[in-house]
Amino acid sequence: MGCCNPLLREKAKEQEEKVNRNGKEKLPVAAKIGAVGVTIIFLTLMGFILFH
């Protein structure tokens, strides 16, 4: 098997797509968790300011 073998190129392409999919899925989940956390903190602080 040489470096130009079509099977080798196809396997490398599949692995690259898999890595790219995995990388894209992790960031939005972390961003959503962060956004929810910031929102909860903001609402809690606003509640203390307004009702205290």
Protein backbone atom coordinates (compact mmCIF):
# COMPACT_ATOMS: atom_id res chain seq x y z
CA MET A 1 0.00 0.00 0.00
CA GLY A 2 1.48 3.28 -1.08
CA CYS A 3 0.56 6.74 0.03
CA CYS A 4 -1.56 7.22 -3.09
CA ASN A 5 -3.68 4.11 -2.58
CA PRO A 6 -7.38 5.08 -2.95
CA LEU A 7 -8.38 2.95 0.05
CA LEU A 8 -5.81 4.67 2.26
CA ARG A 9 -6.95 8.12 1.14
CA GLU A 10 -10.61 7.22 1.76
CA LYS A 11 -9.85 5.93 5.26
CA ALA A 12 -7.86 9.10 6.07
CA LYS A 13 -10.73 11.25 4.79
CA GLU A 14 -13.25 9.37 6.95
CA GLN A 15 -11.06 9.80 10.04
CA GLU A 16 -10.64 13.52 9.34
CA GLU A 17 -14.42 13.98 8.99
CA LYS A 18 -14.97 12.10 12.25
CA VAL A 19 -12.49 14.32 14.10
CA ASN A 20 -14.09 17.44 12.63
CA ARG A 21 -17.58 16.31 13.68
CA ASN A 22 -16.42 15.55 17.22
CA GLY A 23 -14.69 18.91 17.53
CA LYS A 24 -17.78 20.80 16.38
CA GLU A 25 -20.11 19.04 18.81
CA LYS A 26 -18.11 19.84 21.95
CA LEU A 27 -17.90 23.62 21.61
CA PRO A 28 -21.62 24.39 21.31
CA VAL A 29 -22.42 22.22 24.35
CA ALA A 30 -19.81 24.05 26.43
CA ALA A 31 -21.07 27.39 25.14
CA LYS A 32 -24.67 26.48 26.03
CA ILE A 33 -23.68 25.44 29.55
CA GLY A 34 -21.73 28.68 29.97
CA ALA A 35 -24.60 30.79 28.68
CA VAL A 36 -27.06 29.10 31.04
CA GLY A 37 -24.67 29.61 33.96
CA VAL A 38 -24.19 33.30 33.18
CA THR A 39 -27.95 33.77 32.80
CA ILE A 40 -28.68 32.12 36.14
CA ILE A 41 -26.06 34.24 37.89
CA PHE A 42 -27.38 37.41 36.24
CA LEU A 43 -30.99 36.68 37.18
CA THR A 44 -30.00 35.81 40.75
CA LEU A 45 -28.08 39.06 41.16
CA MET A 46 -30.90 41.10 39.65
CA GLY A 47 -33.34 39.42 42.01
CA PHE A 48 -31.24 40.37 45.03
CA ILE A 49 -30.85 43.94 43.81
CA LEU A 50 -34.54 44.45 43.06
CA PHE A 51 -36.08 42.67 46.04
CA HIS A 52 -33.63 43.50 48.80
